[in-house]
Amino acid sequence: MLTCKDFLSELSDYLDANIDAELRAKLERHITECPNCWVIADTTRKTIQIYKGMEPCAIPADVESRLMKALEKKMAAKGR
């Protein structure tokens, strides 16, 4: 029997249909029995559909600069 943690770890492949039929059946059985995972799968699926219909949008240069600095700081801290 799958746990919610198992379901979440397979969610991306489940939504992309990149899993074998047996695992897909187990995941679908889990979401029919677990309302929390059903909501997560449904919301994620709908979010993907919305974003697929949008045009890419460039972020402002100052936002990109702050983001890159934050990422560099985070990566440096991980390297310690």
PDB file of N, CA and C in Angstrom:
ATOM      1  N   MET A   1       0.843  -1.184   0.000  1.00  0.00           N
ATOM      2  CA  MET A   1       0.000   0.000   0.000  1.00  0.00           C
ATOM      3  C   MET A   1       0.886   1.244   0.000  1.00  0.00           C
ATOM      4  N   LEU A   2       0.541   2.194  -0.818  1.00  0.00           N
ATOM      5  CA  LEU A   2       1.320   3.420  -0.927  1.00  0.00           C
ATOM      6  C   LEU A   2       0.979   4.390   0.196  1.00  0.00           C
ATOM      7  N   THR A   3       1.977   5.111   0.640  1.00  0.00           N
ATOM      8  CA  THR A   3       1.757   6.185   1.610  1.00  0.00           C
ATOM      9  C   THR A   3       1.625   7.496   0.841  1.00  0.00           C
ATOM     10  N   CYS A   4       1.210   8.528   1.537  1.00  0.00           N
ATOM     11  CA  CYS A   4       1.124   9.852   0.919  1.00  0.00           C
ATOM     12  C   CYS A   4       2.508  10.311   0.459  1.00  0.00           C
ATOM     13  N   LYS A   5       3.521   9.996   1.238  1.00  0.00           N
ATOM     14  CA  LYS A   5       4.894  10.356   0.877  1.00  0.00           C
ATOM     15  C   LYS A   5       5.294   9.656  -0.426  1.00  0.00           C
ATOM     16  N   ASP A   6       4.931   8.389  -0.566  1.00  0.00           N
ATOM     17  CA  ASP A   6       5.203   7.653  -1.809  1.00  0.00           C
ATOM     18  C   ASP A   6       4.499   8.320  -2.988  1.00  0.00           C
ATOM     19  N   PHE A   7       3.231   8.682  -2.768  1.00  0.00           N
ATOM     20  CA  PHE A   7       2.465   9.320  -3.831  1.00  0.00           C
ATOM     21  C   PHE A   7       3.120  10.618  -4.276  1.00  0.00           C
ATOM     22  N   LEU A   8       3.498  11.445  -3.300  1.00  0.00           N
ATOM     23  CA  LEU A   8       4.103  12.739  -3.625  1.00  0.00           C
ATOM     24  C   LEU A   8       5.427  12.581  -4.358  1.00  0.00           C
ATOM     25  N   SER A   9       6.188  11.551  -4.032  1.00  0.00           N
ATOM     26  CA  SER A   9       7.464  11.353  -4.714  1.00  0.00           C
ATOM     27  C   SER A   9       7.266  10.927  -6.169  1.00  0.00           C
ATOM     28  N   GLU A  10       6.106  10.370  -6.498  1.00  0.00           N
ATOM     29  CA  GLU A  10       5.819   9.928  -7.867  1.00  0.00           C
ATOM     30  C   GLU A  10       4.898  10.892  -8.615  1.00  0.00           C
ATOM     31  N   LEU A  11       4.469  11.970  -7.966  1.00  0.00           N
ATOM     32  CA  LEU A  11       3.466  12.865  -8.538  1.00  0.00           C
ATOM     33  C   LEU A  11       3.856  13.412  -9.905  1.00  0.00           C
ATOM     34  N   SER A  12       5.066  13.879 -10.046  1.00  0.00           N
ATOM     35  CA  SER A  12       5.497  14.466 -11.321  1.00  0.00           C
ATOM     36  C   SER A  12       5.413  13.451 -12.455  1.00  0.00           C
ATOM     37  N   ASP A  13       5.950  12.263 -12.229  1.00  0.00           N
ATOM     38  CA  ASP A  13       5.890  11.229 -13.267  1.00  0.00           C
ATOM     39  C   ASP A  13       4.452  10.785 -13.518  1.00  0.00           C
ATOM     40  N   TYR A  14       3.640  10.748 -12.478  1.00  0.00           N
ATOM     41  CA  TYR A  14       2.232  10.388 -12.628  1.00  0.00           C
ATOM     42  C   TYR A  14       1.522  11.386 -13.534  1.00  0.00           C
ATOM     43  N   LEU A  15       1.722  12.666 -13.294  1.00  0.00           N
ATOM     44  CA  LEU A  15       1.064  13.694 -14.105  1.00  0.00           C
ATOM     45  C   LEU A  15       1.612  13.740 -15.527  1.00  0.00           C
ATOM     46  N   ASP A  16       2.877  13.383 -15.709  1.00  0.00           N
ATOM     47  CA  ASP A  16       3.479  13.345 -17.042  1.00  0.00           C
ATOM     48  C   ASP A  16       3.221  12.022 -17.756  1.00  0.00           C
ATOM     49  N   ALA A  17       2.585  11.080 -17.071  1.00  0.00           N
ATOM     50  CA  ALA A  17       2.306   9.738 -17.607  1.00  0.00           C
ATOM     51  C   ALA A  17       3.599   8.997 -17.951  1.00  0.00           C
ATOM     52  N   ASN A  18       4.620   9.172 -17.117  1.00  0.00           N
ATOM     53  CA  ASN A  18       5.916   8.516 -17.327  1.00  0.00           C
ATOM     54  C   ASN A  18       6.130   7.336 -16.387  1.00  0.00           C
ATOM     55  N   ILE A  19       5.074   6.617 -16.069  1.00  0.00           N
ATOM     56  CA  ILE A  19       5.194   5.486 -15.164  1.00  0.00           C
ATOM     57  C   ILE A  19       4.517   4.262 -15.772  1.00  0.00           C
ATOM     58  N   ASP A  20       4.901   3.104 -15.272  1.00  0.00           N
ATOM     59  CA  ASP A  20       4.303   1.881 -15.804  1.00  0.00           C
ATOM     60  C   ASP A  20       2.861   1.734 -15.306  1.00  0.00           C
ATOM     61  N   ALA A  21       2.117   0.883 -15.971  1.00  0.00           N
ATOM     62  CA  ALA A  21       0.686   0.729 -15.705  1.00  0.00           C
ATOM     63  C   ALA A  21       0.408   0.261 -14.277  1.00  0.00           C
ATOM     64  N   GLU A  22       1.255  -0.615 -13.747  1.00  0.00           N
ATOM     65  CA  GLU A  22       1.031  -1.140 -12.396  1.00  0.00           C
ATOM     66  C   GLU A  22       1.156  -0.032 -11.348  1.00  0.00           C
ATOM     67  N   LEU A  23       2.214   0.788 -11.464  1.00  0.00           N
ATOM     68  CA  LEU A  23       2.398   1.884 -10.522  1.00  0.00           C
ATOM     69  C   LEU A  23       1.289   2.916 -10.685  1.00  0.00           C
ATOM     70  N   ARG A  24       0.918   3.204 -11.926  1.00  0.00           N
ATOM     71  CA  ARG A  24      -0.177   4.154 -12.174  1.00  0.00           C
ATOM     72  C   ARG A  24      -1.447   3.696 -11.475  1.00  0.00           C
ATOM     73  N   ALA A  25      -1.754   2.408 -11.573  1.00  0.00           N
ATOM     74  CA  ALA A  25      -2.957   1.873 -10.922  1.00  0.00           C
ATOM     75  C   ALA A  25      -2.880   2.039  -9.409  1.00  0.00           C
ATOM     76  N   LYS A  26      -1.703   1.800  -8.831  1.00  0.00           N
ATOM     77  CA  LYS A  26      -1.532   1.967  -7.378  1.00  0.00           C
ATOM     78  C   LYS A  26      -1.722   3.430  -6.971  1.00  0.00           C
ATOM     79  N   LEU A  27      -1.165   4.336  -7.767  1.00  0.00           N
ATOM     80  CA  LEU A  27      -1.293   5.760  -7.461  1.00  0.00           C
ATOM     81  C   LEU A  27      -2.740   6.213  -7.589  1.00  0.00           C
ATOM     82  N   GLU A  28      -3.423   5.750  -8.615  1.00  0.00           N
ATOM     83  CA  GLU A  28      -4.827   6.123  -8.800  1.00  0.00           C
ATOM     84  C   GLU A  28      -5.697   5.545  -7.687  1.00  0.00           C
ATOM     85  N   ARG A  29      -5.383   4.345  -7.247  1.00  0.00           N
ATOM     86  CA  ARG A  29      -6.117   3.753  -6.129  1.00  0.00           C
ATOM     87  C   ARG A  29      -5.892   4.599  -4.871  1.00  0.00           C
ATOM     88  N   HIS A  30      -4.649   5.043  -4.666  1.00  0.00           N
ATOM     89  CA  HIS A  30      -4.346   5.865  -3.494  1.00  0.00           C
ATOM     90  C   HIS A  30      -5.155   7.158  -3.513  1.00  0.00           C
ATOM     91  N   ILE A  31      -5.206   7.850  -4.646  1.00  0.00           N
ATOM     92  CA  ILE A  31      -5.923   9.134  -4.641  1.00  0.00           C
ATOM     93  C   ILE A  31      -7.438   8.959  -4.564  1.00  0.00           C
ATOM     94  N   THR A  32      -7.950   7.776  -4.901  1.00  0.00           N
ATOM     95  CA  THR A  32      -9.390   7.567  -4.692  1.00  0.00           C
ATOM     96  C   THR A  32      -9.699   7.358  -3.216  1.00  0.00           C
ATOM     97  N   GLU A  33      -8.699   6.944  -2.444  1.00  0.00           N
ATOM     98  CA  GLU A  33      -8.881   6.686  -1.020  1.00  0.00           C
ATOM     99  C   GLU A  33      -8.369   7.816  -0.132  1.00  0.00           C
ATOM    100  N   CYS A  34      -7.589   8.727  -0.685  1.00  0.00           N
ATOM    101  CA  CYS A  34      -6.963   9.791   0.109  1.00  0.00           C
ATOM    102  C   CYS A  34      -7.369  11.158  -0.451  1.00  0.00           C
ATOM    103  N   PRO A  35      -8.309  11.824   0.198  1.00  0.00           N
ATOM    104  CA  PRO A  35      -8.758  13.113  -0.324  1.00  0.00           C
ATOM    105  C   PRO A  35      -7.660  14.175  -0.365  1.00  0.00           C
ATOM    106  N   ASN A  36      -6.715  14.119   0.562  1.00  0.00           N
ATOM    107  CA  ASN A  36      -5.634  15.116   0.559  1.00  0.00           C
ATOM    108  C   ASN A  36      -4.759  14.977  -0.678  1.00  0.00           C
ATOM    109  N   CYS A  37      -4.380  13.760  -1.021  1.00  0.00           N
ATOM    110  CA  CYS A  37      -3.550  13.549  -2.210  1.00  0.00           C
ATOM    111  C   CYS A  37      -4.337  13.828  -3.487  1.00  0.00           C
ATOM    112  N   TRP A  38      -5.641  13.543  -3.460  1.00  0.00           N
ATOM    113  CA  TRP A  38      -6.466  13.857  -4.626  1.00  0.00           C
ATOM    114  C   TRP A  38      -6.448  15.364  -4.881  1.00  0.00           C
ATOM    115  N   VAL A  39      -6.597  16.162  -3.826  1.00  0.00           N
ATOM    116  CA  VAL A  39      -6.584  17.619  -3.977  1.00  0.00           C
ATOM    117  C   VAL A  39      -5.235  18.092  -4.514  1.00  0.00           C
ATOM    118  N   ILE A  40      -4.153  17.530  -4.000  1.00  0.00           N
ATOM    119  CA  ILE A  40      -2.814  17.913  -4.469  1.00  0.00           C
ATOM    120  C   ILE A  40      -2.655  17.583  -5.943  1.00  0.00           C
ATOM    121  N   ALA A  41      -3.044  16.378  -6.345  1.00  0.00           N
ATOM    122  CA  ALA A  41      -2.920  15.973  -7.752  1.00  0.00           C
ATOM    123  C   ALA A  41      -3.795  16.842  -8.643  1.00  0.00           C
ATOM    124  N   ASP A  42      -5.025  17.077  -8.237  1.00  0.00           N
ATOM    125  CA  ASP A  42      -5.953  17.872  -9.045  1.00  0.00           C
ATOM    126  C   ASP A  42      -5.483  19.312  -9.173  1.00  0.00           C
ATOM    127  N   THR A  43      -5.055  19.899  -8.063  1.00  0.00           N
ATOM    128  CA  THR A  43      -4.581  21.289  -8.089  1.00  0.00           C
ATOM    129  C   THR A  43      -3.321  21.423  -8.929  1.00  0.00           C
ATOM    130  N   THR A  44      -2.406  20.484  -8.794  1.00  0.00           N
ATOM    131  CA  THR A  44      -1.171  20.521  -9.578  1.00  0.00           C
ATOM    132  C   THR A  44      -1.475  20.372 -11.062  1.00  0.00           C
ATOM    133  N   ARG A  45      -2.358  19.451 -11.407  1.00  0.00           N
ATOM    134  CA  ARG A  45      -2.751  19.249 -12.804  1.00  0.00           C
ATOM    135  C   ARG A  45      -3.356  20.534 -13.396  1.00  0.00           C
ATOM    136  N   LYS A  46      -4.245  21.166 -12.653  1.00  0.00           N
ATOM    137  CA  LYS A  46      -4.882  22.407 -13.121  1.00  0.00           C
ATOM    138  C   LYS A  46      -3.868  23.544 -13.240  1.00  0.00           C
ATOM    139  N   THR A  47      -2.940  23.620 -12.306  1.00  0.00           N
ATOM    140  CA  THR A  47      -1.902  24.655 -12.359  1.00  0.00           C
ATOM    141  C   THR A  47      -1.045  24.490 -13.607  1.00  0.00           C
ATOM    142  N   ILE A  48      -0.677  23.263 -13.908  1.00  0.00           N
ATOM    143  CA  ILE A  48       0.121  22.992 -15.116  1.00  0.00           C
ATOM    144  C   ILE A  48      -0.644  23.415 -16.357  1.00  0.00           C
ATOM    145  N   GLN A  49      -1.929  23.111 -16.421  1.00  0.00           N
ATOM    146  CA  GLN A  49      -2.741  23.489 -17.579  1.00  0.00           C
ATOM    147  C   GLN A  49      -2.792  24.998 -17.751  1.00  0.00           C
ATOM    148  N   ILE A  50      -2.909  25.715 -16.642  1.00  0.00           N
ATOM    149  CA  ILE A  50      -2.946  27.180 -16.713  1.00  0.00           C
ATOM    150  C   ILE A  50      -1.625  27.724 -17.235  1.00  0.00           C
ATOM    151  N   TYR A  51      -0.511  27.228 -16.693  1.00  0.00           N
ATOM    152  CA  TYR A  51       0.798  27.744 -17.102  1.00  0.00           C
ATOM    153  C   TYR A  51       1.158  27.365 -18.525  1.00  0.00           C
ATOM    154  N   LYS A  52       0.672  26.244 -19.014  1.00  0.00           N
ATOM    155  CA  LYS A  52       0.950  25.864 -20.401  1.00  0.00           C
ATOM    156  C   LYS A  52       0.315  26.835 -21.375  1.00  0.00           C
ATOM    157  N   GLY A  53      -0.760  27.485 -20.961  1.00  0.00           N
ATOM    158  CA  GLY A  53      -1.449  28.419 -21.837  1.00  0.00           C
ATOM    159  C   GLY A  53      -0.916  29.832 -21.769  1.00  0.00           C
ATOM    160  N   MET A  54       0.098  30.079 -20.956  1.00  0.00           N
ATOM    161  CA  MET A  54       0.625  31.428 -20.791  1.00  0.00           C
ATOM    162  C   MET A  54       1.892  31.634 -21.611  1.00  0.00           C
ATOM    163  N   GLU A  55       2.115  32.872 -21.998  1.00  0.00           N
ATOM    164  CA  GLU A  55       3.347  33.245 -22.684  1.00  0.00           C
ATOM    165  C   GLU A  55       4.438  33.499 -21.638  1.00  0.00           C
ATOM    166  N   PRO A  56       5.680  33.139 -21.955  1.00  0.00           N
ATOM    167  CA  PRO A  56       6.776  33.435 -21.022  1.00  0.00           C
ATOM    168  C   PRO A  56       6.884  34.935 -20.769  1.00  0.00           C
ATOM    169  N   CYS A  57       7.268  35.272 -19.578  1.00  0.00           N
ATOM    170  CA  CYS A  57       7.384  36.673 -19.195  1.00  0.00           C
ATOM    171  C   CYS A  57       8.749  36.868 -18.544  1.00  0.00           C
ATOM    172  N   ALA A  58       9.517  37.825 -19.050  1.00  0.00           N
ATOM    173  CA  ALA A  58      10.839  38.102 -18.478  1.00  0.00           C
ATOM    174  C   ALA A  58      10.669  38.772 -17.116  1.00  0.00           C
ATOM    175  N   ILE A  59      11.550  38.402 -16.192  1.00  0.00           N
ATOM    176  CA  ILE A  59      11.497  39.064 -14.892  1.00  0.00           C
ATOM    177  C   ILE A  59      12.369  40.311 -14.936  1.00  0.00           C
ATOM    178  N   PRO A  60      12.035  41.316 -14.138  1.00  0.00           N
ATOM    179  CA  PRO A  60      12.843  42.544 -14.125  1.00  0.00           C
ATOM    180  C   PRO A  60      14.286  42.238 -13.718  1.00  0.00           C
ATOM    181  N   ALA A  61      15.210  43.015 -14.263  1.00  0.00           N
ATOM    182  CA  ALA A  61      16.641  42.802 -14.030  1.00  0.00           C
ATOM    183  C   ALA A  61      16.989  42.844 -12.552  1.00  0.00           C
ATOM    184  N   ASP A  62      16.377  43.757 -11.782  1.00  0.00           N
ATOM    185  CA  ASP A  62      16.706  43.847 -10.353  1.00  0.00           C
ATOM    186  C   ASP A  62      16.226  42.602  -9.596  1.00  0.00           C
ATOM    187  N   VAL A  63      15.103  42.037 -10.011  1.00  0.00           N
ATOM    188  CA  VAL A  63      14.601  40.816  -9.375  1.00  0.00           C
ATOM    189  C   VAL A  63      15.533  39.649  -9.706  1.00  0.00           C
ATOM    190  N   GLU A  64      15.951  39.570 -10.964  1.00  0.00           N
ATOM    191  CA  GLU A  64      16.869  38.500 -11.366  1.00  0.00           C
ATOM    192  C   GLU A  64      18.186  38.609 -10.598  1.00  0.00           C
ATOM    193  N   SER A  65      18.686  39.816 -10.445  1.00  0.00           N
ATOM    194  CA  SER A  65      19.935  40.030  -9.730  1.00  0.00           C
ATOM    195  C   SER A  65      19.818  39.591  -8.263  1.00  0.00           C
ATOM    196  N   ARG A  66      18.732  39.968  -7.602  1.00  0.00           N
ATOM    197  CA  ARG A  66      18.524  39.571  -6.204  1.00  0.00           C
ATOM    198  C   ARG A  66      18.366  38.060  -6.087  1.00  0.00           C
ATOM    199  N   LEU A  67      17.663  37.473  -7.024  1.00  0.00           N
ATOM    200  CA  LEU A  67      17.463  36.023  -7.018  1.00  0.00           C
ATOM    201  C   LEU A  67      18.797  35.292  -7.179  1.00  0.00           C
ATOM    202  N   MET A  68      19.601  35.735  -8.124  1.00  0.00           N
ATOM    203  CA  MET A  68      20.894  35.080  -8.357  1.00  0.00           C
ATOM    204  C   MET A  68      21.805  35.222  -7.136  1.00  0.00           C
ATOM    205  N   LYS A  69      21.811  36.379  -6.504  1.00  0.00           N
ATOM    206  CA  LYS A  69      22.618  36.575  -5.296  1.00  0.00           C
ATOM    207  C   LYS A  69      22.146  35.643  -4.176  1.00  0.00           C
ATOM    208  N   ALA A  70      20.840  35.518  -4.029  1.00  0.00           N
ATOM    209  CA  ALA A  70      20.303  34.634  -2.992  1.00  0.00           C
ATOM    210  C   ALA A  70      20.670  33.186  -3.280  1.00  0.00           C
ATOM    211  N   LEU A  71      20.594  32.774  -4.538  1.00  0.00           N
ATOM    212  CA  LEU A  71      20.964  31.406  -4.909  1.00  0.00           C
ATOM    213  C   LEU A  71      22.447  31.146  -4.680  1.00  0.00           C
ATOM    214  N   GLU A  72      23.282  32.117  -5.055  1.00  0.00           N
ATOM    215  CA  GLU A  72      24.721  31.970  -4.837  1.00  0.00           C
ATOM    216  C   GLU A  72      25.030  31.851  -3.344  1.00  0.00           C
ATOM    217  N   LYS A  73      24.356  32.633  -2.520  1.00  0.00           N
ATOM    218  CA  LYS A  73      24.560  32.583  -1.077  1.00  0.00           C
ATOM    219  C   LYS A  73      24.126  31.221  -0.534  1.00  0.00           C
ATOM    220  N   LYS A  74      22.997  30.726  -0.997  1.00  0.00           N
ATOM    221  CA  LYS A  74      22.490  29.435  -0.555  1.00  0.00           C
ATOM    222  C   LYS A  74      23.432  28.306  -0.971  1.00  0.00           C
ATOM    223  N   MET A  75      23.931  28.351  -2.199  1.00  0.00           N
ATOM    224  CA  MET A  75      24.849  27.309  -2.689  1.00  0.00           C
ATOM    225  C   MET A  75      26.173  27.358  -1.927  1.00  0.00           C
ATOM    226  N   ALA A  76      26.649  28.558  -1.620  1.00  0.00           N
ATOM    227  CA  ALA A  76      27.891  28.700  -0.857  1.00  0.00           C
ATOM    228  C   ALA A  76      27.727  28.113   0.540  1.00  0.00           C
ATOM    229  N   ALA A  77      26.569  28.327   1.141  1.00  0.00           N
ATOM    230  CA  ALA A  77      26.312  27.794   2.477  1.00  0.00           C
ATOM    231  C   ALA A  77      26.241  26.273   2.452  1.00  0.00           C
ATOM    232  N   LYS A  78      25.735  25.698   1.389  1.00  0.00           N
ATOM    233  CA  LYS A  78      25.662  24.250   1.260  1.00  0.00           C
ATOM    234  C   LYS A  78      27.043  23.636   1.083  1.00  0.00           C
ATOM    235  N   GLY A  79      27.950  24.381   0.478  1.00  0.00           N
ATOM    236  CA  GLY A  79      29.291  23.894   0.196  1.00  0.00           C
ATOM    237  C   GLY A  79      30.190  23.838   1.433  1.00  0.00           C
ATOM    238  N   ARG A  80      29.763  24.416   2.501  1.00  0.00           N
ATOM    239  CA  ARG A  80      30.591  24.465   3.721  1.00  0.00           C
ATOM    240  C   ARG A  80      30.696  23.149   4.386  1.00  0.00           C
TER     241      ARG A  80
END
